[in-house]
């Protein structure tokens, strides 16, 4: 018996995890008998799924019941809560219940607590683009899964190039696997540069251009990113994360803090060694200039969410940001 709860808005990563469970649980010859999906946004459908998972599988393999887009971890009636408490701990050995939701569960609810006690919980949220160590670790794990070998620099470069797009990472690694073929040697950075178009890397380059006050380069990078169909809100998210990181570090430095561990913890840096390079990036830049970027980013993000033309507002606000650092 197994109960799984997957939540988050990385749909591709969830789909990959679901496929792995299907392959491990179900016998292909008995798929139509032992695999059912239910709408988790409806209470009646959710109760039907709980009843279905109590039915032993037919033929070979196990039974898998997938309850999709559930809402009971954000709002749950007493009737449904009783059904969850009655069912989750007594699912038959050969049956498996998979529960997925895009929304973050409310830990205060009894239904969430009940599910957390009974289920294997995994979060599938995109990694923030500025968490380069986490991005590199995900590349390492996915490359190993697909059988692609990369040297350390190539691995980091691929992580920077695809950012937090798990679907694109998978597609790029499949392409690199075909290119590598049976070659024993790991792929090198120059091969990644030739075969993979950078997106998140250019977003970080855009941050560097703004910090240097280089308006011409910044506008060029905006145009390149949009030409690559990079979503405007994703570009902005990367910029906000980078400038937020710079600002937090600079504020701590100007407050007189000298302990690298304390600064790294405050800035949410998993690898304190990165602090050396980040300090060099902000150099003599005063925190008041960095703080002035935050209202501009707020206006930019709000404008995009309210339907502004992406290219126009990005160019306008990027120029405004460059002016702050001249």
Protein backbone atom coordinates (compact mmCIF):
# COMPACT_ATOMS: atom_id res chain seq x y z
CA UNK A 1 0.00 0.00 0.00
CA UNK A 2 1.25 3.49 -0.81
CA UNK A 3 -0.29 6.94 -0.75
CA UNK A 4 1.51 9.73 -2.62
CA UNK A 5 0.86 13.46 -2.45
CA UNK A 6 2.55 15.60 -5.11
CA UNK A 7 2.02 19.35 -5.12
CA UNK A 8 3.44 22.32 -7.01
CA UNK A 9 3.16 24.04 -10.38
CA UNK A 10 5.97 22.23 -12.20
CA UNK A 11 3.56 20.19 -14.32
CA UNK A 12 6.25 18.45 -16.35
CA UNK A 13 8.16 17.23 -13.29
CA UNK A 14 4.92 15.91 -11.76
CA UNK A 15 4.06 14.14 -15.03
CA UNK A 16 7.49 12.47 -15.02
CA UNK A 17 7.03 11.30 -11.42
CA UNK A 18 3.54 9.99 -12.20
CA UNK A 19 4.89 7.98 -15.17
CA UNK A 20 7.50 6.39 -12.90
CA UNK A 21 4.79 5.29 -10.46
CA UNK A 22 2.63 3.92 -13.28
CA UNK A 23 5.54 1.87 -14.63
CA UNK A 24 6.39 0.47 -11.20
CA UNK A 25 2.80 -0.31 -10.12
CA UNK A 26 0.80 -1.29 -13.21
CA UNK A 27 0.94 -4.28 -15.52
CA UNK A 28 0.44 -2.95 -19.10
CA UNK A 29 -1.88 -5.86 -19.97
CA UNK A 30 -4.23 -4.89 -17.12
CA UNK A 31 -3.91 -1.10 -17.41
CA UNK A 32 -7.53 -0.40 -18.34
CA UNK A 33 -8.75 -2.39 -15.34
CA UNK A 34 -6.38 -1.08 -12.69
CA UNK A 35 -5.73 2.60 -13.51
CA UNK A 36 -8.40 5.22 -12.82
CA UNK A 37 -8.34 9.01 -12.65
CA UNK A 38 -10.72 11.26 -10.70
CA UNK A 39 -11.40 14.98 -10.43
CA UNK A 40 -10.11 16.01 -7.01
CA UNK A 41 -11.83 19.41 -7.10
CA UNK A 42 -15.22 17.73 -6.54
CA UNK A 43 -16.11 16.16 -3.22
CA UNK A 44 -18.26 13.35 -4.69
CA UNK A 45 -15.51 12.42 -7.13
CA UNK A 46 -12.93 12.42 -4.34
CA UNK A 47 -15.05 10.06 -2.24
CA UNK A 48 -15.50 7.80 -5.30
CA UNK A 49 -11.70 7.67 -5.66
CA UNK A 50 -11.27 6.72 -2.00
CA UNK A 51 -13.79 3.91 -2.46
CA UNK A 52 -12.13 2.77 -5.68
CA UNK A 53 -8.66 2.47 -4.11
CA UNK A 54 -10.10 0.03 -1.55
CA UNK A 55 -10.85 -2.42 -4.38
CA UNK A 56 -8.11 -5.03 -4.94
CA UNK A 57 -6.53 -5.02 -8.43
CA UNK A 58 -7.64 -7.35 -11.21
CA UNK A 59 -5.17 -9.74 -12.80
CA UNK A 60 -1.47 -8.96 -12.57
CA UNK A 61 0.21 -5.90 -11.09
CA UNK A 62 -1.27 -3.38 -8.69
CA UNK A 63 -4.04 -0.79 -8.77
CA UNK A 64 -3.35 2.95 -9.16
CA UNK A 65 -5.99 5.60 -8.47
CA UNK A 66 -4.99 9.13 -9.43
CA UNK A 67 -6.91 11.95 -7.73
CA UNK A 68 -6.07 15.05 -9.80
CA UNK A 69 -6.16 18.75 -8.87
CA UNK A 70 -7.34 18.12 -5.33
CA UNK A 71 -8.57 20.98 -3.16
CA UNK A 72 -9.18 19.30 0.20
CA UNK A 73 -5.79 20.46 1.54
CA UNK A 74 -7.07 24.04 1.22
CA UNK A 75 -10.73 23.52 2.05
CA UNK A 76 -12.30 20.33 3.38
CA UNK A 77 -15.76 19.48 4.66
CA UNK A 78 -16.30 17.36 7.76
CA UNK A 79 -17.79 14.56 5.63
CA UNK A 80 -14.75 14.38 3.37
CA UNK A 81 -12.37 14.62 6.33
CA UNK A 82 -14.03 11.59 7.91
CA UNK A 83 -13.64 9.66 4.64
CA UNK A 84 -9.96 10.56 4.45
CA UNK A 85 -9.33 9.52 8.05
CA UNK A 86 -11.20 6.27 7.50
CA UNK A 87 -9.47 5.32 4.25
CA UNK A 88 -5.87 6.59 4.05
CA UNK A 89 -4.40 4.25 6.66
CA UNK A 90 -6.16 1.07 5.45
CA UNK A 91 -5.56 1.11 1.68
CA UNK A 92 -4.99 -2.50 0.51
CA UNK A 93 -1.41 -3.66 -0.02
CA UNK A 94 -1.60 -3.85 -3.83
CA UNK A 95 -3.44 -0.54 -4.23
CA UNK A 96 -1.83 2.86 -4.62
CA UNK A 97 -3.43 6.28 -4.23
CA UNK A 98 -1.82 9.23 -6.01
CA UNK A 99 -3.03 12.72 -5.04
CA UNK A 100 -1.83 15.81 -6.94
CA UNK A 101 -2.46 19.53 -6.53
CA UNK A 102 -0.99 22.72 -7.93
CA UNK A 103 -1.76 24.60 -4.72
CA UNK A 104 0.42 24.63 -1.64
CA UNK A 105 -1.33 22.67 1.14
CA UNK A 106 -2.57 24.56 4.18
CA UNK A 107 -0.70 22.92 7.06
CA UNK A 108 -3.27 24.18 9.58
CA UNK A 109 -6.06 21.98 8.20
CA UNK A 110 -6.82 18.59 9.70
CA UNK A 111 -7.10 17.13 6.18
CA UNK A 112 -3.53 18.22 5.40
CA UNK A 113 -2.21 16.81 8.67
CA UNK A 114 -4.02 13.54 8.00
CA UNK A 115 -2.52 13.32 4.50
CA UNK A 116 0.99 14.18 5.66
CA UNK A 117 0.86 11.36 8.22
CA UNK A 118 -0.28 8.76 5.68
CA UNK A 119 1.35 9.87 2.40
CA UNK A 120 4.75 10.29 0.81
CA UNK A 121 4.75 14.05 0.20
CA UNK A 122 6.86 15.69 -2.54
CA UNK A 123 6.95 19.30 -3.65
CA UNK A 124 7.29 20.08 -7.36
CA UNK A 125 7.82 23.82 -7.47
CA UNK A 126 10.27 25.42 -9.95
CA UNK A 127 13.67 26.15 -8.42
CA UNK A 128 14.27 29.93 -8.17
CA UNK A 129 16.66 30.87 -11.03
CA UNK A 130 19.17 32.45 -8.63
CA UNK A 131 19.64 29.21 -6.67
CA UNK A 132 22.43 28.04 -8.94
CA UNK A 133 23.57 25.21 -6.65
CA UNK A 134 20.08 23.68 -6.63
CA UNK A 135 19.79 24.05 -10.41
CA UNK A 136 23.15 22.34 -10.91
CA UNK A 137 22.14 19.52 -8.56
CA UNK A 138 18.93 18.95 -10.51
CA UNK A 139 20.92 18.82 -13.77
CA UNK A 140 23.26 16.26 -12.18
CA UNK A 141 20.38 14.02 -11.06
CA UNK A 142 18.49 14.24 -14.37
CA UNK A 143 21.63 13.68 -16.45
CA UNK A 144 22.44 10.56 -14.43
CA UNK A 145 18.88 9.32 -14.93
CA UNK A 146 19.18 9.73 -18.71
CA UNK A 147 22.72 8.41 -18.90
CA UNK A 148 24.38 11.66 -20.03
CA UNK A 149 27.85 12.45 -18.65
CA UNK A 150 29.07 16.02 -18.33
CA UNK A 151 32.14 17.50 -16.71
CA UNK A 152 31.58 19.90 -13.81
CA UNK A 153 31.81 23.10 -15.84
CA UNK A 154 29.50 21.74 -18.53
CA UNK A 155 27.00 20.71 -15.87
CA UNK A 156 26.95 24.21 -14.35
CA UNK A 157 26.69 25.78 -17.79
CA UNK A 158 23.69 23.64 -18.71
CA UNK A 159 21.99 24.58 -15.43
CA UNK A 160 22.52 28.27 -16.17
CA UNK A 161 21.32 27.84 -19.76
CA UNK A 162 17.98 26.13 -19.09
CA UNK A 163 17.23 27.81 -15.74
CA UNK A 164 14.34 26.23 -13.83
CA UNK A 165 12.48 24.88 -16.87
CA UNK A 166 12.38 21.13 -16.10
CA UNK A 167 10.73 20.27 -19.43
CA UNK A 168 13.48 22.04 -21.37
CA UNK A 169 16.18 20.42 -19.25
CA UNK A 170 14.80 16.98 -20.08
CA UNK A 171 14.56 17.80 -23.80
CA UNK A 172 18.08 19.26 -23.93
CA UNK A 173 19.54 16.23 -22.14
CA UNK A 174 17.79 13.87 -24.55
CA UNK A 175 19.36 15.84 -27.41
CA UNK A 176 22.77 15.70 -25.72
CA UNK A 177 22.37 11.95 -25.18
CA UNK A 178 21.94 11.43 -28.93
CA UNK A 179 24.95 13.66 -29.60
CA UNK A 180 27.14 11.88 -27.03
CA UNK A 181 26.09 8.46 -28.33
CA UNK A 182 28.52 5.83 -26.97
CA UNK A 183 31.35 8.24 -26.27
CA UNK A 184 32.96 7.59 -22.89
CA UNK A 185 34.33 11.09 -22.35
CA UNK A 186 32.05 13.62 -20.58
CA UNK A 187 30.62 16.48 -22.61
CA UNK A 188 32.65 19.70 -22.40
CA UNK A 189 31.47 23.31 -21.84
CA UNK A 190 32.12 24.36 -25.45
CA UNK A 191 29.82 21.58 -26.65
CA UNK A 192 27.05 22.78 -24.35
CA UNK A 193 27.51 26.33 -25.67
CA UNK A 194 27.19 25.11 -29.26
CA UNK A 195 24.21 22.82 -28.70
CA UNK A 196 22.12 24.60 -26.04
CA UNK A 197 20.67 28.10 -26.33
CA UNK A 198 20.98 29.99 -23.06
CA UNK A 199 17.96 31.70 -21.53
CA UNK A 200 18.39 32.05 -17.76
CA UNK A 201 22.08 32.75 -18.35
CA UNK A 202 21.11 35.73 -20.50
CA UNK A 203 18.70 36.89 -17.80
CA UNK A 204 21.59 36.96 -15.35
CA UNK A 205 23.72 38.74 -17.96
CA UNK A 206 20.91 41.27 -18.19
CA UNK A 207 21.27 41.87 -14.45
CA UNK A 208 25.00 42.46 -14.90
CA UNK A 209 24.38 44.91 -17.74
CA UNK A 210 21.88 46.87 -15.63
CA UNK A 211 24.28 46.92 -12.67
CA UNK A 212 26.96 48.35 -14.98
CA UNK A 213 24.52 50.93 -16.36
CA UNK A 214 25.06 49.58 -19.89
CA UNK A 215 21.75 50.54 -21.53
CA UNK A 216 22.65 49.37 -25.05
CA UNK A 217 23.67 45.86 -23.93
CA UNK A 218 20.68 45.60 -21.59
CA UNK A 219 18.21 46.41 -24.38
CA UNK A 220 19.97 43.95 -26.69
CA UNK A 221 19.65 41.18 -24.09
CA UNK A 222 15.95 41.97 -23.57
CA UNK A 223 15.36 41.62 -27.33
CA UNK A 224 17.32 38.34 -27.47
CA UNK A 225 15.41 36.83 -24.56
CA UNK A 226 12.03 37.74 -26.04
CA UNK A 227 13.13 36.44 -29.45
CA UNK A 228 13.87 33.10 -27.76
CA UNK A 229 10.25 33.12 -26.46
CA UNK A 230 11.42 33.48 -22.88
CA UNK A 231 8.34 34.50 -20.82
CA UNK A 232 8.61 38.11 -19.65
CA UNK A 233 7.54 37.24 -16.10
CA UNK A 234 10.29 34.62 -15.91
CA UNK A 235 12.87 37.21 -17.00
CA UNK A 236 11.60 39.56 -14.31
CA UNK A 237 11.62 36.80 -11.67
CA UNK A 238 15.29 36.11 -12.38
CA UNK A 239 16.16 39.82 -12.18
CA UNK A 240 14.23 40.32 -8.94
CA UNK A 241 15.96 37.32 -7.38
CA UNK A 242 19.42 38.52 -8.37
CA UNK A 243 18.94 42.13 -7.24
CA UNK A 244 17.29 40.95 -4.03
CA UNK A 245 20.35 38.79 -3.34
CA UNK A 246 22.78 41.64 -4.04
CA UNK A 247 20.74 44.01 -1.86
CA UNK A 248 20.57 41.66 1.12
CA UNK A 249 24.32 41.03 1.02
CA UNK A 250 25.15 44.72 0.67
CA UNK A 251 22.85 45.74 3.53
CA UNK A 252 24.51 43.19 5.81
CA UNK A 253 27.98 44.36 4.78
CA UNK A 254 27.14 48.03 5.39
CA UNK A 255 25.68 47.16 8.80
CA UNK A 256 29.15 46.00 9.82
CA UNK A 257 28.56 42.25 9.63
CA UNK A 258 31.82 40.39 8.91
CA UNK A 259 30.76 36.80 9.52
CA UNK A 260 30.37 35.11 6.12
CA UNK A 261 28.18 32.38 7.58
CA UNK A 262 25.77 34.95 9.03
CA UNK A 263 25.60 36.89 5.76
CA UNK A 264 25.09 33.69 3.74
CA UNK A 265 22.30 32.58 6.07
CA UNK A 266 20.57 35.97 5.87
CA UNK A 267 20.84 35.96 2.05
CA UNK A 268 19.63 32.32 1.90
CA UNK A 269 22.84 31.16 0.21
CA UNK A 270 23.28 27.40 0.43
CA UNK A 271 26.94 27.66 -0.52
CA UNK A 272 28.74 30.38 1.52
CA UNK A 273 31.68 30.18 -0.90
CA UNK A 274 29.57 32.04 -3.47
CA UNK A 275 29.70 35.07 -1.19
CA UNK A 276 33.24 35.90 -2.33
CA UNK A 277 32.12 36.28 -5.95
CA UNK A 278 28.90 38.11 -5.08
CA UNK A 279 30.85 40.63 -3.04
CA UNK A 280 33.07 41.30 -6.04
CA UNK A 281 30.00 41.82 -8.23
CA UNK A 282 28.53 44.55 -6.03
CA UNK A 283 31.95 46.04 -5.19
CA UNK A 284 31.57 49.65 -4.04
CA UNK A 285 27.93 49.81 -5.08
CA UNK A 286 25.94 51.43 -2.23
CA UNK A 287 22.87 49.67 -0.88
CA UNK A 288 20.71 52.77 -1.45
CA UNK A 289 21.10 52.33 -5.21
CA UNK A 290 20.18 48.66 -5.01
CA UNK A 291 17.18 49.46 -2.82
CA UNK A 292 15.92 51.94 -5.42
CA UNK A 293 15.55 49.07 -7.93
CA UNK A 294 12.88 47.31 -5.88
CA UNK A 295 10.00 49.76 -6.59
CA UNK A 296 10.91 49.68 -10.30
CA UNK A 297 10.74 45.89 -10.34
CA UNK A 298 7.41 46.04 -8.51
CA UNK A 299 6.02 48.38 -11.18
CA UNK A 300 7.41 46.14 -13.93
CA UNK A 301 5.90 42.96 -12.52
CA UNK A 302 2.55 44.62 -11.85
CA UNK A 303 2.47 46.08 -15.37
CA UNK A 304 3.08 42.69 -16.99
CA UNK A 305 0.39 41.03 -14.86
CA UNK A 306 -2.05 43.78 -15.83
CA UNK A 307 -1.53 43.14 -19.55
CA UNK A 308 1.16 45.61 -20.60
CA UNK A 309 3.03 44.86 -23.85
CA UNK A 310 6.04 42.87 -22.68
CA UNK A 311 8.67 44.36 -24.99
CA UNK A 312 7.63 47.95 -24.37
CA UNK A 313 7.46 47.82 -20.59
CA UNK A 314 10.61 45.70 -20.29
CA UNK A 315 12.63 48.12 -22.41
CA UNK A 316 11.26 51.15 -20.54
CA UNK A 317 11.90 49.77 -17.06
CA UNK A 318 15.30 48.28 -17.97
CA UNK A 319 16.41 51.73 -19.19
CA UNK A 320 15.09 53.22 -15.97
CA UNK A 321 17.09 50.68 -13.97
CA UNK A 322 20.25 51.37 -15.96
CA UNK A 323 19.89 55.08 -15.15
CA UNK A 324 20.09 54.26 -11.43
CA UNK A 325 23.60 52.85 -11.82
CA UNK A 326 25.16 55.51 -14.01
